[in-house]
PDB file of N, CA and C in Angstrom:
ATOM      1  N   MET A   1     102.710   3.457 168.865  1.00  0.00           N
ATOM      2  CA  MET A   1     102.233   4.738 169.244  1.00  0.00           C
ATOM      3  C   MET A   1     103.394   5.769 169.238  1.00  0.00           C
ATOM      4  N   ARG A   2     104.538   5.247 169.616  1.00  0.00           N
ATOM      5  CA  ARG A   2     105.712   6.123 169.551  1.00  0.00           C
ATOM      6  C   ARG A   2     105.956   6.600 168.125  1.00  0.00           C
ATOM      7  N   LYS A   3     105.756   5.672 167.216  1.00  0.00           N
ATOM      8  CA  LYS A   3     105.950   6.055 165.812  1.00  0.00           C
ATOM      9  C   LYS A   3     104.966   7.156 165.407  1.00  0.00           C
ATOM     10  N   LEU A   4     103.782   6.995 165.903  1.00  0.00           N
ATOM     11  CA  LEU A   4     102.745   7.990 165.576  1.00  0.00           C
ATOM     12  C   LEU A   4     103.093   9.338 166.184  1.00  0.00           C
ATOM     13  N   ILE A   5     103.580   9.334 167.411  1.00  0.00           N
ATOM     14  CA  ILE A   5     103.977  10.608 168.071  1.00  0.00           C
ATOM     15  C   ILE A   5     105.172  11.171 167.320  1.00  0.00           C
ATOM     16  N   LEU A   6     106.107  10.307 166.974  1.00  0.00           N
ATOM     17  CA  LEU A   6     107.294  10.784 166.239  1.00  0.00           C
ATOM     18  C   LEU A   6     106.875  11.350 164.885  1.00  0.00           C
ATOM     19  N   LEU A   7     105.991  10.662 164.242  1.00  0.00           N
ATOM     20  CA  LEU A   7     105.484  11.161 162.946  1.00  0.00           C
ATOM     21  C   LEU A   7     104.755  12.453 163.094  1.00  0.00           C
ATOM     22  N   ALA A   8     103.988  12.630 164.152  1.00  0.00           N
ATOM     23  CA  ALA A   8     103.255  13.862 164.391  1.00  0.00           C
ATOM     24  C   ALA A   8     104.240  14.961 164.706  1.00  0.00           C
ATOM     25  N   PHE A   9     105.267  14.643 165.494  1.00  0.00           N
ATOM     26  CA  PHE A   9     106.305  15.646 165.832  1.00  0.00           C
ATOM     27  C   PHE A   9     107.038  16.099 164.582  1.00  0.00           C
ATOM     28  N   ILE A  10     107.448  15.146 163.740  1.00  0.00           N
ATOM     29  CA  ILE A  10     108.186  15.484 162.536  1.00  0.00           C
ATOM     30  C   ILE A  10     107.268  16.276 161.585  1.00  0.00           C
ATOM     31  N   SER A  11     106.016  15.901 161.527  1.00  0.00           N
ATOM     32  CA  SER A  11     105.082  16.619 160.685  1.00  0.00           C
ATOM     33  C   SER A  11     104.916  18.021 161.172  1.00  0.00           C
ATOM     34  N   GLY A  12     104.858  18.215 162.514  1.00  0.00           N
ATOM     35  CA  GLY A  12     104.736  19.565 163.082  1.00  0.00           C
ATOM     36  C   GLY A  12     105.944  20.401 162.756  1.00  0.00           C
ATOM     37  N   VAL A  13     107.131  19.804 162.891  1.00  0.00           N
ATOM     38  CA  VAL A  13     108.382  20.558 162.591  1.00  0.00           C
ATOM     39  C   VAL A  13     108.371  20.915 161.121  1.00  0.00           C
ATOM     40  N   ILE A  14     108.032  19.982 160.224  1.00  0.00           N
ATOM     41  CA  ILE A  14     108.009  20.274 158.799  1.00  0.00           C
ATOM     42  C   ILE A  14     106.978  21.376 158.479  1.00  0.00           C
ATOM     43  N   ILE A  15     105.829  21.281 159.117  1.00  0.00           N
ATOM     44  CA  ILE A  15     104.787  22.299 158.888  1.00  0.00           C
ATOM     45  C   ILE A  15     105.247  23.663 159.353  1.00  0.00           C
ATOM     46  N   LYS A  16     105.922  23.686 160.535  1.00  0.00           N
ATOM     47  CA  LYS A  16     106.408  24.939 161.070  1.00  0.00           C
ATOM     48  C   LYS A  16     107.441  25.581 160.120  1.00  0.00           C
ATOM     49  N   TYR A  17     108.403  24.801 159.655  1.00  0.00           N
ATOM     50  CA  TYR A  17     109.437  25.321 158.746  1.00  0.00           C
ATOM     51  C   TYR A  17     108.791  25.690 157.400  1.00  0.00           C
ATOM     52  N   SER A  18     107.867  24.907 156.956  1.00  0.00           N
ATOM     53  CA  SER A  18     107.171  25.186 155.707  1.00  0.00           C
ATOM     54  C   SER A  18     106.381  26.464 155.806  1.00  0.00           C
ATOM     55  N   SER A  19     105.659  26.593 156.924  1.00  0.00           N
ATOM     56  CA  SER A  19     104.867  27.803 157.114  1.00  0.00           C
ATOM     57  C   SER A  19     105.774  29.049 157.233  1.00  0.00           C
ATOM     58  N   ASN A  20     106.919  28.896 157.933  1.00  0.00           N
ATOM     59  CA  ASN A  20     107.885  30.033 158.016  1.00  0.00           C
ATOM     60  C   ASN A  20     108.392  30.378 156.598  1.00  0.00           C
ATOM     61  N   ALA A  21     108.717  29.360 155.794  1.00  0.00           N
ATOM     62  CA  ALA A  21     109.210  29.608 154.458  1.00  0.00           C
ATOM     63  C   ALA A  21     108.126  30.275 153.617  1.00  0.00           C
ATOM     64  N   ILE A  22     106.897  29.760 153.786  1.00  0.00           N
ATOM     65  CA  ILE A  22     105.762  30.352 153.052  1.00  0.00           C
ATOM     66  C   ILE A  22     105.568  31.810 153.468  1.00  0.00           C
ATOM     67  N   LEU A  23     105.631  32.073 154.756  1.00  0.00           N
ATOM     68  CA  LEU A  23     105.468  33.455 155.280  1.00  0.00           C
ATOM     69  C   LEU A  23     106.560  34.368 154.742  1.00  0.00           C
ATOM     70  N   LYS A  24     107.804  33.861 154.738  1.00  0.00           N
ATOM     71  CA  LYS A  24     108.890  34.667 154.196  1.00  0.00           C
ATOM     72  C   LYS A  24     108.686  34.945 152.730  1.00  0.00           C
ATOM     73  N   TYR A  25     108.270  33.913 151.991  1.00  0.00           N
ATOM     74  CA  TYR A  25     107.963  34.045 150.577  1.00  0.00           C
ATOM     75  C   TYR A  25     106.871  35.056 150.338  1.00  0.00           C
ATOM     76  N   LYS A  26     105.807  34.961 151.167  1.00  0.00           N
ATOM     77  CA  LYS A  26     104.677  35.879 151.109  1.00  0.00           C
ATOM     78  C   LYS A  26     105.172  37.295 151.391  1.00  0.00           C
ATOM     79  N   LYS A  27     106.012  37.432 152.408  1.00  0.00           N
ATOM     80  CA  LYS A  27     106.512  38.760 152.779  1.00  0.00           C
ATOM     81  C   LYS A  27     107.348  39.343 151.618  1.00  0.00           C
ATOM     82  N   ASN A  28     108.155  38.498 151.038  1.00  0.00           N
ATOM     83  CA  ASN A  28     108.954  38.941 149.850  1.00  0.00           C
ATOM     84  C   ASN A  28     108.034  39.393 148.697  1.00  0.00           C
ATOM     85  N   LEU A  29     106.999  38.569 148.454  1.00  0.00           N
ATOM     86  CA  LEU A  29     106.057  38.929 147.415  1.00  0.00           C
ATOM     87  C   LEU A  29     105.344  40.258 147.708  1.00  0.00           C
ATOM     88  N   ASP A  30     104.912  40.440 149.007  1.00  0.00           N
ATOM     89  CA  ASP A  30     104.283  41.668 149.416  1.00  0.00           C
ATOM     90  C   ASP A  30     105.195  42.876 149.230  1.00  0.00           C
ATOM     91  N   ASP A  31     106.496  42.705 149.574  1.00  0.00           N
ATOM     92  CA  ASP A  31     107.471  43.798 149.382  1.00  0.00           C
ATOM     93  C   ASP A  31     107.606  44.161 147.896  1.00  0.00           C
ATOM     94  N   ILE A  32     107.689  43.092 147.089  1.00  0.00           N
ATOM     95  CA  ILE A  32     107.807  43.316 145.643  1.00  0.00           C
ATOM     96  C   ILE A  32     106.582  44.036 145.103  1.00  0.00           C
ATOM     97  N   ILE A  33     105.407  43.610 145.540  1.00  0.00           N
ATOM     98  CA  ILE A  33     104.162  44.209 145.086  1.00  0.00           C
ATOM     99  C   ILE A  33     104.121  45.681 145.553  1.00  0.00           C
ATOM    100  N   ARG A  34     104.542  45.953 146.790  1.00  0.00           N
ATOM    101  CA  ARG A  34     104.554  47.324 147.327  1.00  0.00           C
ATOM    102  C   ARG A  34     105.489  48.201 146.500  1.00  0.00           C
ATOM    103  N   GLU A  35     106.670  47.681 146.172  1.00  0.00           N
ATOM    104  CA  GLU A  35     107.639  48.443 145.367  1.00  0.00           C
ATOM    105  C   GLU A  35     107.092  48.683 143.952  1.00  0.00           C
ATOM    106  N   LEU A  36     106.447  47.661 143.404  1.00  0.00           N
ATOM    107  CA  LEU A  36     105.824  47.838 142.074  1.00  0.00           C
ATOM    108  C   LEU A  36     104.721  48.881 142.102  1.00  0.00           C
ATOM    109  N   ASN A  37     103.909  48.857 143.155  1.00  0.00           N
ATOM    110  CA  ASN A  37     102.863  49.848 143.288  1.00  0.00           C
ATOM    111  C   ASN A  37     103.434  51.274 143.404  1.00  0.00           C
ATOM    112  N   LEU A  38     104.557  51.382 144.154  1.00  0.00           N
ATOM    113  CA  LEU A  38     105.197  52.693 144.244  1.00  0.00           C
ATOM    114  C   LEU A  38     105.724  53.137 142.879  1.00  0.00           C
ATOM    115  N   LYS A  39     106.309  52.191 142.119  1.00  0.00           N
ATOM    116  CA  LYS A  39     106.813  52.536 140.804  1.00  0.00           C
ATOM    117  C   LYS A  39     105.659  52.915 139.855  1.00  0.00           C
ATOM    118  N   VAL A  40     104.543  52.166 140.001  1.00  0.00           N
ATOM    119  CA  VAL A  40     103.376  52.499 139.160  1.00  0.00           C
ATOM    120  C   VAL A  40     102.846  53.886 139.502  1.00  0.00           C
ATOM    121  N   THR A  41     102.822  54.210 140.814  1.00  0.00           N
ATOM    122  CA  THR A  41     102.375  55.554 141.227  1.00  0.00           C
ATOM    123  C   THR A  41     103.300  56.609 140.700  1.00  0.00           C
ATOM    124  N   ASP A  42     104.621  56.345 140.748  1.00  0.00           N
ATOM    125  CA  ASP A  42     105.575  57.324 140.222  1.00  0.00           C
ATOM    126  C   ASP A  42     105.396  57.511 138.718  1.00  0.00           C
ATOM    127  N   ILE A  43     105.153  56.384 138.028  1.00  0.00           N
ATOM    128  CA  ILE A  43     104.941  56.473 136.578  1.00  0.00           C
ATOM    129  C   ILE A  43     103.651  57.245 136.266  1.00  0.00           C
ATOM    130  N   GLU A  44     102.594  56.976 137.047  1.00  0.00           N
ATOM    131  CA  GLU A  44     101.347  57.723 136.856  1.00  0.00           C
ATOM    132  C   GLU A  44     101.569  59.227 137.099  1.00  0.00           C
ATOM    133  N   LEU A  45     102.324  59.566 138.119  1.00  0.00           N
ATOM    134  CA  LEU A  45     102.602  60.995 138.372  1.00  0.00           C
ATOM    135  C   LEU A  45     103.399  61.591 137.201  1.00  0.00           C
ATOM    136  N   ASP A  46     104.394  60.858 136.759  1.00  0.00           N
ATOM    137  CA  ASP A  46     105.174  61.355 135.617  1.00  0.00           C
ATOM    138  C   ASP A  46     104.300  61.522 134.394  1.00  0.00           C
ATOM    139  N   LEU A  47     103.409  60.578 134.188  1.00  0.00           N
ATOM    140  CA  LEU A  47     102.484  60.651 133.058  1.00  0.00           C
ATOM    141  C   LEU A  47     101.572  61.881 133.186  1.00  0.00           C
ATOM    142  N   ASP A  48     101.052  62.086 134.393  1.00  0.00           N
ATOM    143  CA  ASP A  48     100.211  63.297 134.620  1.00  0.00           C
ATOM    144  C   ASP A  48     100.982  64.560 134.303  1.00  0.00           C
ATOM    145  N   ASN A  49     102.221  64.606 134.799  1.00  0.00           N
ATOM    146  CA  ASN A  49     103.058  65.789 134.538  1.00  0.00           C
ATOM    147  C   ASN A  49     103.318  65.970 133.050  1.00  0.00           C
ATOM    148  N   LEU A  50     103.567  64.875 132.349  1.00  0.00           N
ATOM    149  CA  LEU A  50     103.768  64.933 130.906  1.00  0.00           C
ATOM    150  C   LEU A  50     102.510  65.415 130.185  1.00  0.00           C
ATOM    151  N   GLU A  51     101.372  64.910 130.648  1.00  0.00           N
ATOM    152  CA  GLU A  51     100.108  65.352 130.022  1.00  0.00           C
ATOM    153  C   GLU A  51      99.878  66.843 130.264  1.00  0.00           C
ATOM    154  N   LYS A  52     100.197  67.304 131.470  1.00  0.00           N
ATOM    155  CA  LYS A  52     100.041  68.753 131.760  1.00  0.00           C
ATOM    156  C   LYS A  52     100.986  69.574 130.874  1.00  0.00           C
ATOM    157  N   LYS A  53     102.248  69.075 130.736  1.00  0.00           N
ATOM    158  CA  LYS A  53     103.197  69.769 129.908  1.00  0.00           C
ATOM    159  C   LYS A  53     102.758  69.759 128.455  1.00  0.00           C
ATOM    160  N   THR A  54     102.204  68.622 128.005  1.00  0.00           N
ATOM    161  CA  THR A  54     101.706  68.521 126.625  1.00  0.00           C
ATOM    162  C   THR A  54     100.632  69.498 126.396  1.00  0.00           C
ATOM    163  N   ILE A  55      99.675  69.603 127.347  1.00  0.00           N
ATOM    164  CA  ILE A  55      98.561  70.539 127.217  1.00  0.00           C
ATOM    165  C   ILE A  55      99.127  71.985 127.175  1.00  0.00           C
ATOM    166  N   THR A  56     100.091  72.254 128.067  1.00  0.00           N
ATOM    167  CA  THR A  56     100.664  73.596 128.078  1.00  0.00           C
ATOM    168  C   THR A  56     101.355  73.922 126.774  1.00  0.00           C
ATOM    169  N   ILE A  57     102.089  72.943 126.257  1.00  0.00           N
ATOM    170  CA  ILE A  57     102.790  73.128 124.966  1.00  0.00           C
ATOM    171  C   ILE A  57     101.764  73.387 123.855  1.00  0.00           C
ATOM    172  N   GLU A  58     100.680  72.612 123.848  1.00  0.00           N
ATOM    173  CA  GLU A  58      99.664  72.806 122.839  1.00  0.00           C
ATOM    174  C   GLU A  58      99.025  74.179 122.975  1.00  0.00           C
ATOM    175  N   GLU A  59      98.754  74.595 124.195  1.00  0.00           N
ATOM    176  CA  GLU A  59      98.158  75.946 124.391  1.00  0.00           C
ATOM    177  C   GLU A  59      99.141  77.011 123.910  1.00  0.00           C
ATOM    178  N   ASN A  60     100.383  76.876 124.275  1.00  0.00           N
ATOM    179  CA  ASN A  60     101.395  77.849 123.838  1.00  0.00           C
ATOM    180  C   ASN A  60     101.591  77.850 122.327  1.00  0.00           C
ATOM    181  N   SER A  61     101.524  76.641 121.724  1.00  0.00           N
ATOM    182  CA  SER A  61     101.653  76.547 120.268  1.00  0.00           C
ATOM    183  C   SER A  61     100.511  77.297 119.619  1.00  0.00           C
ATOM    184  N   GLY A  62      99.299  77.102 120.134  1.00  0.00           N
ATOM    185  CA  GLY A  62      98.131  77.805 119.603  1.00  0.00           C
ATOM    186  C   GLY A  62      98.331  79.299 119.736  1.00  0.00           C
ATOM    187  N   LYS A  63      98.818  79.777 120.875  1.00  0.00           N
ATOM    188  CA  LYS A  63      99.028  81.217 121.059  1.00  0.00           C
ATOM    189  C   LYS A  63     100.089  81.698 120.064  1.00  0.00           C
ATOM    190  N   TYR A  64     101.172  80.946 119.930  1.00  0.00           N
ATOM    191  CA  TYR A  64     102.241  81.369 118.984  1.00  0.00           C
ATOM    192  C   TYR A  64     101.745  81.360 117.557  1.00  0.00           C
ATOM    193  N   GLU A  65     100.910  80.363 117.198  1.00  0.00           N
ATOM    194  CA  GLU A  65     100.344  80.334 115.856  1.00  0.00           C
ATOM    195  C   GLU A  65      99.480  81.577 115.640  1.00  0.00           C
ATOM    196  N   ASN A  66      98.665  81.921 116.624  1.00  0.00           N
ATOM    197  CA  ASN A  66      97.811  83.092 116.518  1.00  0.00           C
ATOM    198  C   ASN A  66      98.682  84.359 116.419  1.00  0.00           C
ATOM    199  N   ASN A  67      99.743  84.435 117.219  1.00  0.00           N
ATOM    200  CA  ASN A  67     100.634  85.580 117.167  1.00  0.00           C
ATOM    201  C   ASN A  67     101.308  85.685 115.811  1.00  0.00           C
ATOM    202  N   ILE A  68     101.747  84.546 115.320  1.00  0.00           N
ATOM    203  CA  ILE A  68     102.429  84.556 114.012  1.00  0.00           C
ATOM    204  C   ILE A  68     101.463  85.013 112.941  1.00  0.00           C
ATOM    205  N   GLU A  69     100.224  84.538 112.996  1.00  0.00           N
ATOM    206  CA  GLU A  69      99.210  84.943 112.013  1.00  0.00           C
ATOM    207  C   GLU A  69      98.934  86.421 112.117  1.00  0.00           C
ATOM    208  N   SER A  70      98.878  86.934 113.365  1.00  0.00           N
ATOM    209  CA  SER A  70      98.621  88.358 113.555  1.00  0.00           C
ATOM    210  C   SER A  70      99.786  89.174 112.992  1.00  0.00           C
ATOM    211  N   TYR A  71     101.018  88.761 113.305  1.00  0.00           N
ATOM    212  CA  TYR A  71     102.172  89.475 112.773  1.00  0.00           C
ATOM    213  C   TYR A  71     102.207  89.431 111.247  1.00  0.00           C
ATOM    214  N   LYS A  72     101.864  88.281 110.710  1.00  0.00           N
ATOM    215  CA  LYS A  72     101.829  88.163 109.255  1.00  0.00           C
ATOM    216  C   LYS A  72     100.814  89.170 108.662  1.00  0.00           C
ATOM    217  N   ASN A  73      99.642  89.256 109.261  1.00  0.00           N
ATOM    218  CA  ASN A  73      98.633  90.179 108.777  1.00  0.00           C
ATOM    219  C   ASN A  73      99.118  91.603 108.901  1.00  0.00           C
ATOM    220  N   ILE A  74      99.779  91.932 110.033  1.00  0.00           N
ATOM    221  CA  ILE A  74     100.299  93.289 110.231  1.00  0.00           C
ATOM    222  C   ILE A  74     101.331  93.630 109.164  1.00  0.00           C
ATOM    223  N   ILE A  75     102.238  92.657 108.924  1.00  0.00           N
ATOM    224  CA  ILE A  75     103.278  92.858 107.911  1.00  0.00           C
ATOM    225  C   ILE A  75     102.685  93.065 106.537  1.00  0.00           C
ATOM    226  N   GLU A  76     101.671  92.253 106.207  1.00  0.00           N
ATOM    227  CA  GLU A  76     101.043  92.430 104.910  1.00  0.00           C
ATOM    228  C   GLU A  76     100.359  93.789 104.761  1.00  0.00           C
ATOM    229  N   LYS A  77      99.705  94.258 105.847  1.00  0.00           N
ATOM    230  CA  LYS A  77      99.070  95.578 105.804  1.00  0.00           C
ATOM    231  C   LYS A  77     100.118  96.648 105.651  1.00  0.00           C
ATOM    232  N   GLN A  78     101.208  96.561 106.402  1.00  0.00           N
ATOM    233  CA  GLN A  78     102.255  97.524 106.303  1.00  0.00           C
ATOM    234  C   GLN A  78     102.902  97.527 104.940  1.00  0.00           C
ATOM    235  N   SER A  79     103.057  96.357 104.357  1.00  0.00           N
ATOM    236  CA  SER A  79     103.607  96.247 103.008  1.00  0.00           C
ATOM    237  C   SER A  79     102.682  96.951 102.018  1.00  0.00           C
ATOM    238  N   SER A  80     101.371  96.718 102.139  1.00  0.00           N
ATOM    239  CA  SER A  80     100.418  97.379 101.272  1.00  0.00           C
ATOM    240  C   SER A  80     100.460  98.890 101.445  1.00  0.00           C
ATOM    241  N   MET A  81     100.587  99.353 102.693  1.00  0.00           N
ATOM    242  CA  MET A  81     100.675 100.758 102.943  1.00  0.00           C
ATOM    243  C   MET A  81     101.958 101.373 102.310  1.00  0.00           C
ATOM    244  N   LEU A  82     103.042 100.625 102.408  1.00  0.00           N
ATOM    245  CA  LEU A  82     104.305 101.106 101.816  1.00  0.00           C
ATOM    246  C   LEU A  82     104.203 101.176 100.282  1.00  0.00           C
ATOM    247  N   VAL A  83     103.521 100.208  99.697  1.00  0.00           N
ATOM    248  CA  VAL A  83     103.313 100.233  98.228  1.00  0.00           C
ATOM    249  C   VAL A  83     102.474 101.476  97.855  1.00  0.00           C
ATOM    250  N   ILE A  84     101.438 101.724  98.634  1.00  0.00           N
ATOM    251  CA  ILE A  84     100.585 102.903  98.375  1.00  0.00           C
ATOM    252  C   ILE A  84     101.412 104.194  98.515  1.00  0.00           C
ATOM    253  N   GLN A  85     102.211 104.239  99.567  1.00  0.00           N
ATOM    254  CA  GLN A  85     103.037 105.429  99.802  1.00  0.00           C
ATOM    255  C   GLN A  85     104.072 105.592  98.668  1.00  0.00           C
ATOM    256  N   ARG A  86     104.664 104.493  98.226  1.00  0.00           N
ATOM    257  CA  ARG A  86     105.603 104.574  97.114  1.00  0.00           C
ATOM    258  C   ARG A  86     104.951 105.080  95.840  1.00  0.00           C
ATOM    259  N   ASN A  87     103.725 104.606  95.590  1.00  0.00           N
ATOM    260  CA  ASN A  87     102.975 105.076  94.418  1.00  0.00           C
ATOM    261  C   ASN A  87     102.684 106.546  94.526  1.00  0.00           C
ATOM    262  N   MET A  88     102.302 106.993  95.748  1.00  0.00           N
ATOM    263  CA  MET A  88     101.988 108.410  95.936  1.00  0.00           C
ATOM    264  C   MET A  88     103.264 109.256  95.697  1.00  0.00           C
ATOM    265  N   ILE A  89     104.391 108.781  96.216  1.00  0.00           N
ATOM    266  CA  ILE A  89     105.660 109.494  96.028  1.00  0.00           C
ATOM    267  C   ILE A  89     106.030 109.541  94.545  1.00  0.00           C
ATOM    268  N   ASP A  90     105.840 108.404  93.841  1.00  0.00           N
ATOM    269  CA  ASP A  90     106.108 108.378  92.406  1.00  0.00           C
ATOM    270  C   ASP A  90     105.245 109.364  91.674  1.00  0.00           C
ATOM    271  N   ASN A  91     103.948 109.415  92.054  1.00  0.00           N
ATOM    272  CA  ASN A  91     103.039 110.381  91.386  1.00  0.00           C
ATOM    273  C   ASN A  91     103.503 111.827  91.642  1.00  0.00           C
ATOM    274  N   GLU A  92     103.886 112.114  92.878  1.00  0.00           N
ATOM    275  CA  GLU A  92     104.350 113.462  93.213  1.00  0.00           C
ATOM    276  C   GLU A  92     105.613 113.782  92.416  1.00  0.00           C
ATOM    277  N   LEU A  93     106.539 112.789  92.350  1.00  0.00           N
ATOM    278  CA  LEU A  93     107.785 113.036  91.545  1.00  0.00           C
ATOM    279  C   LEU A  93     107.476 113.257  90.111  1.00  0.00           C
ATOM    280  N   ASN A  94     106.537 112.493  89.561  1.00  0.00           N
ATOM    281  CA  ASN A  94     106.153 112.698  88.169  1.00  0.00           C
ATOM    282  C   ASN A  94     105.538 114.071  87.969  1.00  0.00           C
ATOM    283  N   LYS A  95     104.725 114.543  88.912  1.00  0.00           N
ATOM    284  CA  LYS A  95     104.122 115.897  88.846  1.00  0.00           C
ATOM    285  C   LYS A  95     105.233 116.917  88.880  1.00  0.00           C
ATOM    286  N   ILE A  96     106.232 116.739  89.788  1.00  0.00           N
ATOM    287  CA  ILE A  96     107.343 117.657  89.914  1.00  0.00           C
ATOM    288  C   ILE A  96     108.151 117.687  88.623  1.00  0.00           C
ATOM    289  N   LYS A  97     108.403 116.472  88.067  1.00  0.00           N
ATOM    290  CA  LYS A  97     109.177 116.414  86.824  1.00  0.00           C
ATOM    291  C   LYS A  97     108.390 117.100  85.703  1.00  0.00           C
ATOM    292  N   GLY A  98     107.115 116.863  85.661  1.00  0.00           N
ATOM    293  CA  GLY A  98     106.261 117.503  84.625  1.00  0.00           C
ATOM    294  C   GLY A  98     106.289 119.014  84.821  1.00  0.00           C
ATOM    295  N   SER A  99     106.205 119.476  86.049  1.00  0.00           N
ATOM    296  CA  SER A  99     106.290 120.902  86.322  1.00  0.00           C
ATOM    297  C   SER A  99     107.602 121.478  85.930  1.00  0.00           C
ATOM    298  N   ILE A 100     108.683 120.769  86.230  1.00  0.00           N
ATOM    299  CA  ILE A 100     110.015 121.225  85.896  1.00  0.00           C
ATOM    300  C   ILE A 100     110.174 121.306  84.374  1.00  0.00           C
ATOM    301  N   ASN A 101     109.675 120.271  83.716  1.00  0.00           N
ATOM    302  CA  ASN A 101     109.730 120.263  82.234  1.00  0.00           C
ATOM    303  C   ASN A 101     108.882 121.424  81.677  1.00  0.00           C
ATOM    304  N   GLN A 102     107.723 121.648  82.246  1.00  0.00           N
ATOM    305  CA  GLN A 102     106.860 122.725  81.812  1.00  0.00           C
ATOM    306  C   GLN A 102     107.580 124.072  82.049  1.00  0.00           C
ATOM    307  N   ASP A 103     108.177 124.241  83.250  1.00  0.00           N
ATOM    308  CA  ASP A 103     108.906 125.452  83.564  1.00  0.00           C
ATOM    309  C   ASP A 103     110.069 125.625  82.617  1.00  0.00           C
ATOM    310  N   SER A 104     110.752 124.532  82.276  1.00  0.00           N
ATOM    311  CA  SER A 104     111.872 124.563  81.393  1.00  0.00           C
ATOM    312  C   SER A 104     111.448 125.056  79.985  1.00  0.00           C
ATOM    313  N   ILE A 105     110.286 124.527  79.564  1.00  0.00           N
ATOM    314  CA  ILE A 105     109.783 124.923  78.251  1.00  0.00           C
ATOM    315  C   ILE A 105     109.427 126.419  78.265  1.00  0.00           C
ATOM    316  N   ILE A 106     108.766 126.862  79.341  1.00  0.00           N
ATOM    317  CA  ILE A 106     108.421 128.297  79.471  1.00  0.00           C
ATOM    318  C   ILE A 106     109.684 129.120  79.555  1.00  0.00           C
ATOM    319  N   TYR A 107     110.674 128.656  80.295  1.00  0.00           N
ATOM    320  CA  TYR A 107     111.948 129.407  80.423  1.00  0.00           C
ATOM    321  C   TYR A 107     112.615 129.504  79.046  1.00  0.00           C
ATOM    322  N   ASN A 108     112.646 128.393  78.328  1.00  0.00           N
ATOM    323  CA  ASN A 108     113.247 128.378  77.009  1.00  0.00           C
ATOM    324  C   ASN A 108     112.485 129.347  76.072  1.00  0.00           C
ATOM    325  N   ASP A 109     111.162 129.320  76.149  1.00  0.00           N
ATOM    326  CA  ASP A 109     110.351 130.230  75.322  1.00  0.00           C
ATOM    327  C   ASP A 109     110.682 131.669  75.678  1.00  0.00           C
ATOM    328  N   ASN A 110     110.801 131.957  76.984  1.00  0.00           N
ATOM    329  CA  ASN A 110     111.131 133.309  77.420  1.00  0.00           C
ATOM    330  C   ASN A 110     112.521 133.702  76.930  1.00  0.00           C
ATOM    331  N   LEU A 111     113.460 132.778  76.990  1.00  0.00           N
ATOM    332  CA  LEU A 111     114.799 133.077  76.506  1.00  0.00           C
ATOM    333  C   LEU A 111     114.772 133.382  75.004  1.00  0.00           C
ATOM    334  N   ASP A 112     113.990 132.609  74.296  1.00  0.00           N
ATOM    335  CA  ASP A 112     113.901 132.840  72.855  1.00  0.00           C
ATOM    336  C   ASP A 112     113.325 134.206  72.565  1.00  0.00           C
ATOM    337  N   SER A 113     112.284 134.569  73.320  1.00  0.00           N
ATOM    338  CA  SER A 113     111.684 135.905  73.092  1.00  0.00           C
ATOM    339  C   SER A 113     112.621 136.992  73.516  1.00  0.00           C
ATOM    340  N   VAL A 114     113.433 136.802  74.577  1.00  0.00           N
ATOM    341  CA  VAL A 114     114.389 137.793  75.004  1.00  0.00           C
ATOM    342  C   VAL A 114     115.480 137.944  73.919  1.00  0.00           C
ATOM    343  N   ASN A 115     115.893 136.791  73.419  1.00  0.00           N
ATOM    344  CA  ASN A 115     116.909 136.812  72.382  1.00  0.00           C
ATOM    345  C   ASN A 115     116.408 137.529  71.119  1.00  0.00           C
ATOM    346  N   GLN A 116     115.145 137.288  70.781  1.00  0.00           N
ATOM    347  CA  GLN A 116     114.552 137.960  69.624  1.00  0.00           C
ATOM    348  C   GLN A 116     114.456 139.457  69.906  1.00  0.00           C
ATOM    349  N   ASP A 117     114.088 139.854  71.104  1.00  0.00           N
ATOM    350  CA  ASP A 117     113.995 141.263  71.448  1.00  0.00           C
ATOM    351  C   ASP A 117     115.396 141.914  71.371  1.00  0.00           C
ATOM    352  N   ASN A 118     116.392 141.169  71.816  1.00  0.00           N
ATOM    353  CA  ASN A 118     117.761 141.678  71.727  1.00  0.00           C
ATOM    354  C   ASN A 118     118.190 141.859  70.276  1.00  0.00           C
ATOM    355  N   GLU A 119     117.806 140.910  69.440  1.00  0.00           N
ATOM    356  CA  GLU A 119     118.174 141.033  68.007  1.00  0.00           C
ATOM    357  C   GLU A 119     117.526 142.276  67.397  1.00  0.00           C
ATOM    358  N   PHE A 120     116.256 142.501  67.747  1.00  0.00           N
ATOM    359  CA  PHE A 120     115.573 143.678  67.221  1.00  0.00           C
ATOM    360  C   PHE A 120     116.233 144.934  67.741  1.00  0.00           C
ATOM    361  N   THR A 121     116.625 144.918  68.957  1.00  0.00           N
ATOM    362  CA  THR A 121     117.277 146.090  69.538  1.00  0.00           C
ATOM    363  C   THR A 121     118.583 146.362  68.865  1.00  0.00           C
ATOM    364  N   GLU A 122     119.334 145.323  68.575  1.00  0.00           N
ATOM    365  CA  GLU A 122     120.623 145.488  67.886  1.00  0.00           C
ATOM    366  C   GLU A 122     120.400 146.018  66.473  1.00  0.00           C
ATOM    367  N   VAL A 123     119.368 145.485  65.810  1.00  0.00           N
ATOM    368  CA  VAL A 123     119.095 145.953  64.459  1.00  0.00           C
ATOM    369  C   VAL A 123     118.672 147.426  64.495  1.00  0.00           C
ATOM    370  N   ASP A 124     117.814 147.750  65.468  1.00  0.00           N
ATOM    371  CA  ASP A 124     117.370 149.145  65.578  1.00  0.00           C
ATOM    372  C   ASP A 124     118.537 150.080  65.842  1.00  0.00           C
ATOM    373  N   GLN A 125     119.452 149.597  66.682  1.00  0.00           N
ATOM    374  CA  GLN A 125     120.600 150.437  67.018  1.00  0.00           C
ATOM    375  C   GLN A 125     121.520 150.591  65.768  1.00  0.00           C
ATOM    376  N   LEU A 126     121.625 149.569  64.970  1.00  0.00           N
ATOM    377  CA  LEU A 126     122.442 149.676  63.779  1.00  0.00           C
ATOM    378  C   LEU A 126     121.789 150.630  62.753  1.00  0.00           C
ATOM    379  N   ASP A 127     120.506 150.641  62.689  1.00  0.00           N
ATOM    380  CA  ASP A 127     119.794 151.488  61.740  1.00  0.00           C
ATOM    381  C   ASP A 127     119.943 152.961  62.166  1.00  0.00           C
ATOM    382  N   SER A 128     120.071 153.211  63.400  1.00  0.00           N
ATOM    383  CA  SER A 128     120.099 154.588  63.782  1.00  0.00           C
ATOM    384  C   SER A 128     121.481 155.082  63.728  1.00  0.00           C
TER     385      SER A 128
END
């Protein structure tokens, strides 16, 4: 019976130390799981922030693309207007050149007639 009591006592001690070791191991595992859950939560928060930033970047990209397209259209319209203005200026210059040429022809004709009148006057003066 003593052997049985001794065996029960040793079994109790072994169970106590085993249960303490198991509890410590369980506590360590719980701590590791808690830390991993915190890390997962941090990663999820970082992921949410990245998703928000990605959405913001996409929205801004869309705005910039629209702005670029608007500016492109404005520049094209201004370019067309400048071409029209250049053509109008060229037309006006051509009219002015034509007018100057016409005036020059008239002036030369007038000079010729004045010169002819002067010749007649000289001839008339010589005759008298």
